[in-house]
Amino acid sequence: MADAAVTGYAEALFAVASAEGDLSAVEDELFSFAQALRSNDELRSTLADSNVPAARRLQVVDDLLDGRASATTSVLVAMVVGAGRASELPAIVDAFIEHSAASRNKAVATVRAAVALTADQRDRLAAAIKTATGKEVEIRVVEDPSVLGGVVTEIGDDIIDGSVRRRLNQLRESFR
């Protein structure tokens, strides 16, 4: 469970994004930024380093998001980074997305796939997850070449591993 600060920031981000009226776009942009932060150690350490002046950290955010994200998303990321919470930004975004999905009576399914999924593939996957779990879900895709093929789906603490990598590992183990 997220700590109180993470939850508080997530609720604040949700309130601002809802008030601005483009919640879906802000969700997508924040999710993408959080994934970039997770996958780039240098970016994460720069934005979280209290020895780097706040103005410089905010300039990095502005440079990264300028023209690639809405003004709302840019302001929200800058708010979190400016408050010295950049290291918690991925957790804040996760809590924000869960809160947003819950407001629509849905759960969030994070799907790792080797390539981007089409809208049709997302819809079919959401239907299959609903059939398997009984939960209405919103799909968030993380491109992860290590999956090789297939998908790994996380819904809360539940993991459904339908990846080629897992199947190859099972096959390898069966020959031992």
Protein backbone atom coordinates (compact mmCIF):
# COMPACT_ATOMS: atom_id res chain seq x y z
CA MET A 1 0.00 0.00 0.00
CA ALA A 2 1.21 3.47 -0.83
CA ASP A 3 2.30 5.74 1.98
CA ALA A 4 0.28 8.81 2.94
CA ALA A 5 2.48 11.26 1.02
CA VAL A 6 2.25 9.24 -2.20
CA THR A 7 -1.51 8.90 -1.80
CA GLY A 8 -1.87 12.61 -1.04
CA TYR A 9 0.08 13.64 -4.12
CA ALA A 10 -1.85 11.14 -6.26
CA GLU A 11 -5.16 12.57 -5.07
CA ALA A 12 -3.94 16.11 -5.70
CA LEU A 13 -2.85 15.20 -9.24
CA PHE A 14 -6.22 13.54 -9.83
CA ALA A 15 -8.11 16.62 -8.59
CA VAL A 16 -6.13 18.97 -10.85
CA ALA A 17 -6.33 16.70 -13.92
CA SER A 18 -10.08 16.20 -13.40
CA ALA A 19 -10.66 19.92 -13.01
CA GLU A 20 -8.70 20.65 -16.19
CA GLY A 21 -10.94 18.24 -18.09
CA ASP A 22 -8.49 16.04 -20.00
CA LEU A 23 -7.96 13.25 -17.49
CA SER A 24 -7.33 10.51 -20.06
CA ALA A 25 -4.54 12.39 -21.85
CA VAL A 26 -2.91 13.39 -18.56
CA GLU A 27 -3.02 9.76 -17.39
CA ASP A 28 -1.30 8.58 -20.57
CA GLU A 29 1.34 11.32 -20.43
CA LEU A 30 2.10 10.79 -16.73
CA PHE A 31 2.31 7.03 -17.27
CA SER A 32 4.81 7.55 -20.11
CA PHE A 33 6.88 9.96 -18.04
CA ALA A 34 6.93 7.56 -15.07
CA GLN A 35 8.08 4.73 -17.36
CA ALA A 36 10.86 6.94 -18.73
CA LEU A 37 11.90 7.76 -15.18
CA ARG A 38 11.90 4.07 -14.21
CA SER A 39 14.02 3.07 -17.19
CA ASN A 40 16.58 5.90 -17.10
CA ASP A 41 18.86 5.86 -14.05
CA GLU A 42 20.57 9.12 -15.00
CA LEU A 43 17.29 10.99 -15.39
CA ARG A 44 15.94 9.57 -12.13
CA SER A 45 19.07 10.48 -10.17
CA THR A 46 19.23 13.99 -11.68
CA LEU A 47 15.62 14.80 -10.86
CA ALA A 48 15.87 13.32 -7.37
CA ASP A 49 19.25 14.84 -6.47
CA SER A 50 18.75 17.59 -3.88
CA ASN A 51 22.25 18.88 -4.71
CA VAL A 52 21.05 19.82 -8.19
CA PRO A 53 19.37 23.22 -7.94
CA ALA A 54 15.58 23.06 -8.15
CA ALA A 55 15.62 25.46 -11.11
CA ARG A 56 17.87 23.06 -13.04
CA ARG A 57 15.68 20.03 -12.22
CA LEU A 58 12.60 21.96 -13.34
CA GLN A 59 14.39 22.99 -16.55
CA VAL A 60 15.10 19.30 -17.27
CA VAL A 61 11.39 18.54 -16.85
CA ASP A 62 10.46 21.46 -19.09
CA ASP A 63 12.96 20.38 -21.75
CA LEU A 64 11.68 16.80 -21.69
CA LEU A 65 7.98 17.61 -21.81
CA ASP A 66 7.93 20.76 -23.95
CA GLY A 67 5.73 20.00 -26.94
CA ARG A 68 5.35 16.34 -25.93
CA ALA A 69 2.82 16.73 -23.13
CA SER A 70 -0.08 18.95 -22.21
CA ALA A 71 0.43 22.01 -20.03
CA THR A 72 -1.44 20.21 -17.24
CA THR A 73 0.94 17.26 -17.30
CA SER A 74 3.97 19.53 -17.38
CA VAL A 75 2.73 21.51 -14.39
CA LEU A 76 1.92 18.34 -12.41
CA VAL A 77 5.34 16.80 -13.03
CA ALA A 78 7.04 20.10 -12.21
CA MET A 79 5.04 20.33 -8.97
CA VAL A 80 6.18 16.90 -7.81
CA VAL A 81 9.81 17.43 -8.86
CA GLY A 82 9.86 20.94 -7.38
CA ALA A 83 8.60 19.55 -4.07
CA GLY A 84 11.59 17.17 -3.96
CA ARG A 85 9.48 14.06 -4.61
CA ALA A 86 10.93 13.00 -7.97
CA SER A 87 12.11 9.67 -6.57
CA GLU A 88 8.50 8.94 -5.63
CA LEU A 89 7.02 10.12 -8.92
CA PRO A 90 6.53 6.63 -10.41
CA ALA A 91 4.69 5.48 -7.27
CA ILE A 92 2.63 8.69 -7.25
CA VAL A 93 1.68 8.16 -10.89
CA ASP A 94 0.75 4.52 -10.21
CA ALA A 95 -1.48 5.60 -7.31
CA PHE A 96 -2.95 8.40 -9.46
CA ILE A 97 -3.82 5.97 -12.26
CA GLU A 98 -5.34 3.48 -9.81
CA HIS A 99 -7.40 6.27 -8.21
CA SER A 100 -8.55 7.48 -11.61
CA ALA A 101 -9.50 3.97 -12.77
CA ALA A 102 -11.31 3.32 -9.49
CA SER A 103 -13.35 6.49 -10.08
CA ARG A 104 -14.63 4.70 -13.20
CA ASN A 105 -15.12 1.37 -11.32
CA LYS A 106 -12.18 -0.27 -13.06
CA ALA A 107 -8.85 -1.80 -12.10
CA VAL A 108 -5.54 -1.08 -13.82
CA ALA A 109 -3.77 -3.84 -15.73
CA THR A 110 -0.13 -3.11 -16.51
CA VAL A 111 0.87 -5.18 -19.52
CA ARG A 112 4.47 -5.76 -20.51
CA ALA A 113 4.81 -6.65 -24.19
CA ALA A 114 7.72 -6.78 -26.61
CA VAL A 115 5.96 -4.33 -28.94
CA ALA A 116 3.20 -1.75 -28.74
CA LEU A 117 -0.32 -3.16 -28.82
CA THR A 118 -2.97 -1.98 -31.25
CA ALA A 119 -6.30 -0.69 -29.97
CA ASP A 120 -7.93 -3.95 -31.10
CA GLN A 121 -5.32 -6.01 -29.21
CA ARG A 122 -5.89 -3.89 -26.09
CA ASP A 123 -9.64 -4.38 -26.34
CA ARG A 124 -9.34 -8.15 -26.80
CA LEU A 125 -6.87 -8.36 -23.91
CA ALA A 126 -9.20 -6.35 -21.66
CA ALA A 127 -12.06 -8.71 -22.56
CA ALA A 128 -9.90 -11.77 -21.85
CA ILE A 129 -8.81 -10.35 -18.49
CA LYS A 130 -12.42 -9.61 -17.58
CA THR A 131 -13.34 -13.19 -18.44
CA ALA A 132 -10.43 -14.60 -16.43
CA THR A 133 -10.67 -12.33 -13.39
CA GLY A 134 -14.16 -10.87 -13.44
CA LYS A 135 -12.64 -7.37 -13.27
CA GLU A 136 -13.19 -4.48 -15.66
CA VAL A 137 -9.71 -3.20 -16.48
CA GLU A 138 -7.90 -0.37 -18.17
CA ILE A 139 -4.80 -1.50 -20.02
CA ARG A 140 -1.46 0.33 -19.60
CA VAL A 141 1.23 -1.07 -21.90
CA VAL A 142 4.95 -1.05 -21.14
CA GLU A 143 7.14 -2.02 -24.07
CA ASP A 144 9.70 -4.54 -22.79
CA PRO A 145 11.80 -6.38 -25.41
CA SER A 146 12.88 -8.95 -22.78
CA VAL A 147 9.36 -10.41 -22.93
CA LEU A 148 10.26 -11.66 -26.47
CA GLY A 149 6.59 -12.24 -27.35
CA GLY A 150 3.24 -12.63 -25.65
CA VAL A 151 2.44 -10.50 -22.61
CA VAL A 152 2.95 -10.33 -18.86
CA THR A 153 -0.06 -8.80 -17.13
CA GLU A 154 -0.11 -7.37 -13.61
CA ILE A 155 -3.38 -6.50 -11.91
CA GLY A 156 -2.63 -5.44 -8.37
CA ASP A 157 -0.72 -8.35 -6.85
CA ASP A 158 -1.84 -10.85 -9.51
CA ILE A 159 0.55 -11.67 -12.35
CA ILE A 160 -0.47 -13.57 -15.48
CA ASP A 161 2.66 -14.52 -17.40
CA GLY A 162 1.84 -15.48 -20.98
CA SER A 163 5.25 -14.54 -22.35
CA VAL A 164 7.35 -16.49 -24.80
CA ARG A 165 10.25 -16.05 -22.38
CA ARG A 166 8.37 -17.97 -19.65
CA ARG A 167 7.40 -20.71 -22.09
CA LEU A 168 11.01 -21.06 -23.23
CA ASN A 169 12.16 -21.28 -19.60
CA GLN A 170 9.54 -23.97 -18.91
CA LEU A 171 10.69 -25.91 -21.95
CA ARG A 172 14.33 -25.57 -20.88
CA GLU A 173 13.45 -26.87 -17.40
CA SER A 174 11.56 -29.85 -18.83
CA PHE A 175 14.73 -31.03 -20.62
CA ARG A 176 16.82 -31.07 -17.43
